């Protein structure tokens, strides 16, 4: 059977995009499949305007700019993009693997690299926000400029809540963080930055009601105090997400808390199936974009040898020019 590609990358987020570049560098024919309609994964879908601080070589880089750079880098080798299509089934053949997509098409490939991040994600609901999604309540802010001059209330105490506060503070009329506890899950340095900006942070509080048509105010209840009303044209419900791997969970992989177990070559328990990025797990794993880039290179180099045993594991430096 003739293969469609040498490598099918399942997930077109930052790790998958870098894997596509690196596989092209190793002269492998590559396709990327992703259920989302654009490359960039969760960065594009959720945080395109947020600044990212853990990519080597960039003191800070906007999510959208990082994705654009990765797409341009991978584009040197002309990978095939299969966007808006979910990978559903995986079958082994004598010649390699066949992946079935949600639209009924199939891709024959020599190897599969899973870079699905958290998998399919769903925002945790804000009880008081039931019925308000798209009417003043959002879970993430893909276009910051839409909130220029608005009063914004952000509900949550994690990194996303404080990152949105930093991003919105320069353009919003006001930004207020409301959190049900006194302690935060966000990085201490980010919390300090937000406090230094003078952003109001209300703790031990919950949102009781959103009001107005369009949204104009929010009632909150602080423990031991009377109900307080805040002006708000936007409520950002940054309460985190639940995620699952969707159909990938039925592929026979060894899983640990919705992550795929891999060895030091990034190989899973299945022959010619590898994983990298947030979806991959091993002892001591640290979930960073920078980690995913290194894992993608490790996986691709080992895939190159698995597909062609005469190939060298170490291909030489990409800066050699040879």
Protein backbone atom coordinates (compact mmCIF):
# COMPACT_ATOMS: atom_id res chain seq x y z
CA UNK A 1 0.00 0.00 0.00
CA UNK A 2 1.38 3.41 -0.92
CA UNK A 3 1.49 5.82 1.99
CA UNK A 4 -0.13 9.25 1.83
CA UNK A 5 2.53 10.64 4.18
CA UNK A 6 5.52 9.47 6.17
CA UNK A 7 4.27 11.14 9.35
CA UNK A 8 0.82 12.22 10.47
CA UNK A 9 0.88 14.76 13.29
CA UNK A 10 -2.35 14.73 15.31
CA UNK A 11 -2.66 18.23 16.74
CA UNK A 12 -1.61 21.50 15.07
CA UNK A 13 -0.68 23.48 18.16
CA UNK A 14 2.85 24.85 18.77
CA UNK A 15 4.37 21.40 19.41
CA UNK A 16 2.72 19.90 16.33
CA UNK A 17 3.78 22.82 14.14
CA UNK A 18 7.39 22.54 15.27
CA UNK A 19 7.24 18.77 14.71
CA UNK A 20 6.06 19.44 11.14
CA UNK A 21 9.05 21.71 10.56
CA UNK A 22 11.49 19.26 12.07
CA UNK A 23 10.04 16.32 10.12
CA UNK A 24 10.44 18.34 6.93
CA UNK A 25 14.02 19.03 7.91
CA UNK A 26 14.42 15.25 8.18
CA UNK A 27 12.95 14.98 4.66
CA UNK A 28 9.74 13.30 5.79
CA UNK A 29 6.44 13.98 4.05
CA UNK A 30 4.09 15.35 6.70
CA UNK A 31 0.42 16.09 7.29
CA UNK A 32 -1.18 17.71 10.35
CA UNK A 33 -4.75 17.00 11.40
CA UNK A 34 -6.66 19.09 13.95
CA UNK A 35 -10.33 19.43 14.90
CA UNK A 36 -9.91 23.21 15.10
CA UNK A 37 -10.28 25.24 11.88
CA UNK A 38 -6.95 27.08 12.24
CA UNK A 39 -3.41 26.06 13.20
CA UNK A 40 -2.14 27.02 16.64
CA UNK A 41 -4.28 24.83 18.87
CA UNK A 42 -5.33 26.36 22.17
CA UNK A 43 -3.04 29.36 21.67
CA UNK A 44 -5.04 30.43 18.60
CA UNK A 45 -8.43 29.40 19.97
CA UNK A 46 -8.08 30.84 23.46
CA UNK A 47 -5.07 33.09 23.94
CA UNK A 48 -3.96 34.69 20.65
CA UNK A 49 -3.36 38.10 22.23
CA UNK A 50 -1.72 36.92 25.45
CA UNK A 51 2.00 37.28 25.97
CA UNK A 52 3.98 34.04 26.34
CA UNK A 53 7.11 34.18 28.48
CA UNK A 54 8.60 30.67 28.35
CA UNK A 55 9.76 30.42 24.73
CA UNK A 56 13.55 30.50 24.45
CA UNK A 57 14.94 33.52 22.64
CA UNK A 58 11.91 35.74 23.28
CA UNK A 59 11.61 37.79 26.50
CA UNK A 60 7.90 37.80 25.59
CA UNK A 61 5.97 36.95 22.45
CA UNK A 62 2.30 37.32 21.64
CA UNK A 63 0.52 34.00 21.10
CA UNK A 64 -0.63 34.96 17.60
CA UNK A 65 2.91 35.96 16.61
CA UNK A 66 4.36 32.70 17.91
CA UNK A 67 1.89 30.66 15.88
CA UNK A 68 2.51 32.73 12.75
CA UNK A 69 6.25 32.16 13.13
CA UNK A 70 5.81 28.43 13.60
CA UNK A 71 3.53 28.18 10.54
CA UNK A 72 6.09 30.09 8.48
CA UNK A 73 8.91 27.88 9.76
CA UNK A 74 7.02 24.68 8.94
CA UNK A 75 5.94 26.12 5.59
CA UNK A 76 9.47 25.74 4.22
CA UNK A 77 8.69 22.04 3.78
CA UNK A 78 5.06 22.39 2.63
CA UNK A 79 3.20 20.18 5.12
CA UNK A 80 -0.41 19.25 4.35
CA UNK A 81 -2.99 20.75 6.75
CA UNK A 82 -6.16 18.78 7.45
CA UNK A 83 -7.95 21.32 9.67
CA UNK A 84 -11.46 21.15 11.01
CA UNK A 85 -11.21 17.35 10.95
CA UNK A 86 -11.04 15.13 14.02
CA UNK A 87 -8.83 12.04 14.06
CA UNK A 88 -11.06 9.18 15.19
CA UNK A 89 -9.66 5.75 14.45
CA UNK A 90 -6.23 4.13 14.28
CA UNK A 91 -5.50 0.85 12.53
CA UNK A 92 -2.21 -0.97 12.03
CA UNK A 93 -1.34 -2.44 8.63
CA UNK A 94 1.65 -4.38 7.29
CA UNK A 95 3.01 -1.17 5.80
CA UNK A 96 2.24 1.28 8.60
CA UNK A 97 -0.85 2.91 10.07
CA UNK A 98 -4.20 4.17 8.82
CA UNK A 99 -5.98 7.01 10.63
CA UNK A 100 -9.69 7.57 10.02
CA UNK A 101 -11.01 11.12 10.17
CA UNK A 102 -14.44 12.36 11.19
CA UNK A 103 -15.32 13.27 7.61
CA UNK A 104 -14.94 9.62 6.57
CA UNK A 105 -11.56 10.05 4.85
CA UNK A 106 -8.48 8.05 5.80
CA UNK A 107 -4.75 8.82 5.87
CA UNK A 108 -2.15 6.10 5.46
CA UNK A 109 1.09 6.95 7.22
CA UNK A 110 4.36 5.42 8.30
CA UNK A 111 4.06 6.83 11.83
CA UNK A 112 1.79 8.97 14.00
CA UNK A 113 2.89 11.71 16.39
CA UNK A 114 0.20 12.79 18.84
CA UNK A 115 0.57 16.44 19.88
CA UNK A 116 -3.00 16.98 21.03
CA UNK A 117 -2.24 19.17 24.05
CA UNK A 118 -5.00 18.86 26.64
CA UNK A 119 -7.24 17.25 24.03
CA UNK A 120 -10.79 18.47 23.60
CA UNK A 121 -11.46 21.13 26.23
CA UNK A 122 -14.62 22.54 27.77
CA UNK A 123 -14.76 25.61 30.03
CA UNK A 124 -15.91 25.14 33.61
CA UNK A 125 -19.23 26.97 33.99
CA UNK A 126 -19.94 30.06 36.05
CA UNK A 127 -23.29 29.20 37.72
CA UNK A 128 -24.48 32.82 37.75
CA UNK A 129 -23.54 33.12 34.09
CA UNK A 130 -25.99 30.53 32.80
CA UNK A 131 -27.50 31.92 29.59
CA UNK A 132 -25.03 34.82 29.37
CA UNK A 133 -22.39 33.25 27.12
CA UNK A 134 -22.09 35.48 24.07
CA UNK A 135 -24.23 38.15 25.75
CA UNK A 136 -21.50 39.74 27.82
CA UNK A 137 -19.84 36.68 29.33
CA UNK A 138 -16.83 35.02 27.71
CA UNK A 139 -14.37 32.31 28.72
CA UNK A 140 -11.37 33.77 26.88
CA UNK A 141 -10.51 36.94 24.98
CA UNK A 142 -9.27 36.33 21.44
CA UNK A 143 -9.49 40.03 20.45
CA UNK A 144 -8.42 42.43 23.20
CA UNK A 145 -9.50 45.54 21.29
CA UNK A 146 -13.17 44.54 21.55
CA UNK A 147 -13.00 45.41 25.25
CA UNK A 148 -11.50 48.87 24.91
CA UNK A 149 -13.16 51.28 27.34
CA UNK A 150 -15.22 48.56 29.01
CA UNK A 151 -15.57 47.68 32.67
CA UNK A 152 -14.37 44.08 32.88
CA UNK A 153 -14.90 41.63 35.73
CA UNK A 154 -12.68 38.54 35.67
CA UNK A 155 -13.79 35.56 37.75
CA UNK A 156 -11.06 33.13 38.80
CA UNK A 157 -7.73 32.86 40.56
CA UNK A 158 -5.52 30.97 38.14
CA UNK A 159 -2.91 32.03 35.61
CA UNK A 160 -5.51 32.77 32.93
CA UNK A 161 -7.44 35.17 35.17
CA UNK A 162 -4.33 37.17 36.03
CA UNK A 163 -2.96 37.03 32.48
CA UNK A 164 -6.22 38.48 31.17
CA UNK A 165 -6.02 41.20 33.81
CA UNK A 166 -2.53 42.17 32.66
CA UNK A 167 -3.60 42.17 29.01
CA UNK A 168 -6.84 44.13 29.51
CA UNK A 169 -5.66 46.68 32.07
CA UNK A 170 -4.09 49.08 29.52
CA UNK A 171 -7.25 49.35 27.41
CA UNK A 172 -10.23 48.69 29.71
CA UNK A 173 -12.03 51.35 31.74
CA UNK A 174 -11.55 49.11 34.76
CA UNK A 175 -10.54 45.55 35.54
CA UNK A 176 -11.65 43.71 38.67
CA UNK A 177 -10.72 40.16 39.67
CA UNK A 178 -13.23 38.20 41.77
CA UNK A 179 -12.08 34.96 43.37
CA UNK A 180 -13.86 32.66 45.79
CA UNK A 181 -10.73 32.04 47.88
CA UNK A 182 -8.01 34.19 49.45
CA UNK A 183 -5.24 32.16 47.82
CA UNK A 184 -4.47 32.03 44.09
CA UNK A 185 -3.29 29.28 41.75
CA UNK A 186 -1.58 31.85 39.53
CA UNK A 187 2.18 32.39 39.59
CA UNK A 188 3.17 34.66 42.47
CA UNK A 189 5.09 36.98 40.12
CA UNK A 190 2.00 37.50 37.95
CA UNK A 191 -0.17 38.19 41.00
CA UNK A 192 2.38 40.77 42.15
CA UNK A 193 2.37 42.47 38.72
CA UNK A 194 -1.41 42.74 38.77
CA UNK A 195 -1.43 44.15 42.30
CA UNK A 196 1.25 46.70 41.37
CA UNK A 197 -0.95 47.92 38.51
CA UNK A 198 -3.66 48.73 41.03
CA UNK A 199 -6.16 46.20 39.69
CA UNK A 200 -8.89 45.62 42.28
CA UNK A 201 -8.81 42.04 43.58
CA UNK A 202 -11.82 40.88 45.58
CA UNK A 203 -11.35 37.57 47.41
CA UNK A 204 -13.63 35.24 49.39
CA UNK A 205 -16.34 36.32 46.97
CA UNK A 206 -18.75 34.82 44.46
CA UNK A 207 -20.75 36.22 41.58
CA UNK A 208 -24.47 36.16 42.36
CA UNK A 209 -26.08 37.72 39.30
CA UNK A 210 -25.40 39.36 35.93
CA UNK A 211 -27.83 42.08 34.90
CA UNK A 212 -28.65 44.37 31.99
CA UNK A 213 -29.46 44.10 28.30
CA UNK A 214 -26.74 44.46 27.20
CA UNK A 215 -24.81 43.45 30.30
CA UNK A 216 -24.15 46.45 32.55
CA UNK A 217 -23.53 45.25 36.09
CA UNK A 218 -22.67 42.27 38.27
CA UNK A 219 -23.65 41.51 41.85
CA UNK A 220 -21.04 39.83 44.03
CA UNK A 221 -21.21 38.58 47.60
CA UNK A 222 -18.11 38.88 49.76
CA UNK A 223 -18.00 36.60 52.78
CA UNK A 224 -19.34 38.48 55.82
CA UNK A 225 -20.29 41.58 53.82
CA UNK A 226 -23.33 42.95 52.03
CA UNK A 227 -23.90 42.35 48.31
CA UNK A 228 -21.74 44.63 46.15
CA UNK A 229 -22.60 45.76 42.61
CA UNK A 230 -19.84 46.27 40.05
CA UNK A 231 -20.17 47.91 36.62
CA UNK A 232 -19.43 45.37 33.87
CA UNK A 233 -19.83 45.21 30.13
CA UNK A 234 -17.83 41.96 30.05
CA UNK A 235 -17.43 39.10 32.50
CA UNK A 236 -14.51 36.79 31.81
CA UNK A 237 -15.24 33.41 33.42
CA UNK A 238 -11.66 32.16 33.76
CA UNK A 239 -12.45 29.12 35.88
CA UNK A 240 -10.34 26.62 34.01
CA UNK A 241 -11.26 23.80 31.68
CA UNK A 242 -12.03 20.12 31.70
CA UNK A 243 -10.40 18.13 28.94
CA UNK A 244 -10.36 14.67 27.45
CA UNK A 245 -8.58 13.04 24.56
CA UNK A 246 -11.77 12.16 22.71
CA UNK A 247 -11.47 9.23 20.28
CA UNK A 248 -7.71 8.96 20.93
CA UNK A 249 -8.55 7.34 24.28
CA UNK A 250 -9.89 4.30 22.38
CA UNK A 251 -6.67 3.70 20.43
CA UNK A 252 -5.20 1.30 22.99
CA UNK A 253 -2.60 3.71 24.37
CA UNK A 254 -1.38 3.55 27.96
CA UNK A 255 -2.87 6.59 29.71
CA UNK A 256 -2.30 8.38 33.00
CA UNK A 257 -4.81 11.10 33.89
CA UNK A 258 -5.67 11.88 30.26
CA UNK A 259 -2.00 11.92 29.24
CA UNK A 260 -0.23 9.39 27.03
CA UNK A 261 2.67 7.52 28.61
CA UNK A 262 5.87 7.57 26.56
CA UNK A 263 9.46 6.35 26.89
CA UNK A 264 12.64 8.38 26.43
CA UNK A 265 12.21 8.32 22.63
CA UNK A 266 8.65 9.69 23.03
CA UNK A 267 7.28 6.35 21.81
CA UNK A 268 3.98 5.06 23.18
CA UNK A 269 3.18 1.40 23.80
CA UNK A 270 1.95 1.17 20.18
CA UNK A 271 4.40 0.55 17.35
CA UNK A 272 5.22 3.70 15.36
CA UNK A 273 2.94 5.86 17.52
CA UNK A 274 4.64 8.66 19.44
CA UNK A 275 3.48 11.60 21.56
CA UNK A 276 4.94 14.99 22.47
CA UNK A 277 3.88 18.17 24.22
CA UNK A 278 1.31 18.45 27.00
CA UNK A 279 -0.38 15.21 25.94
CA UNK A 280 2.79 13.17 26.64
CA UNK A 281 3.71 12.02 30.13
CA UNK A 282 6.76 10.54 31.82
CA UNK A 283 8.30 10.89 35.32
CA UNK A 284 9.43 14.45 35.97
CA UNK A 285 7.50 15.94 33.04
CA UNK A 286 7.17 19.74 33.06
CA UNK A 287 4.41 21.13 30.83
CA UNK A 288 5.91 24.07 28.95
CA UNK A 289 5.87 25.06 25.29
CA UNK A 290 9.66 24.90 25.40
CA UNK A 291 9.46 21.31 26.64
CA UNK A 292 7.13 20.41 23.79
CA UNK A 293 9.57 21.74 21.21
CA UNK A 294 12.34 19.51 22.54
CA UNK A 295 10.05 16.49 22.72
CA UNK A 296 8.92 17.07 19.13
CA UNK A 297 12.53 17.01 17.91
CA UNK A 298 13.26 13.87 19.96
CA UNK A 299 10.18 12.12 18.59
CA UNK A 300 10.81 13.08 14.95
CA UNK A 301 14.45 11.96 15.01
CA UNK A 302 13.46 8.60 16.45
CA UNK A 303 10.58 8.30 13.95
CA UNK A 304 13.04 8.95 11.11
CA UNK A 305 15.10 5.95 12.26
CA UNK A 306 12.01 3.79 12.80
CA UNK A 307 10.93 4.47 9.20
CA UNK A 308 14.43 4.05 7.80
CA UNK A 309 16.79 2.04 10.05
CA UNK A 310 19.78 3.19 7.99
CA UNK A 311 19.08 6.84 8.88
CA UNK A 312 21.11 8.55 11.59
CA UNK A 313 19.36 9.39 14.85
CA UNK A 314 21.26 12.68 15.05
CA UNK A 315 20.83 14.52 11.75
CA UNK A 316 23.42 17.21 12.31
CA UNK A 317 22.68 20.79 13.24
CA UNK A 318 20.10 22.64 11.18
CA UNK A 319 22.51 25.60 11.14
CA UNK A 320 25.26 23.63 9.37
CA UNK A 321 23.96 24.55 5.94
CA UNK A 322 24.91 21.15 4.52
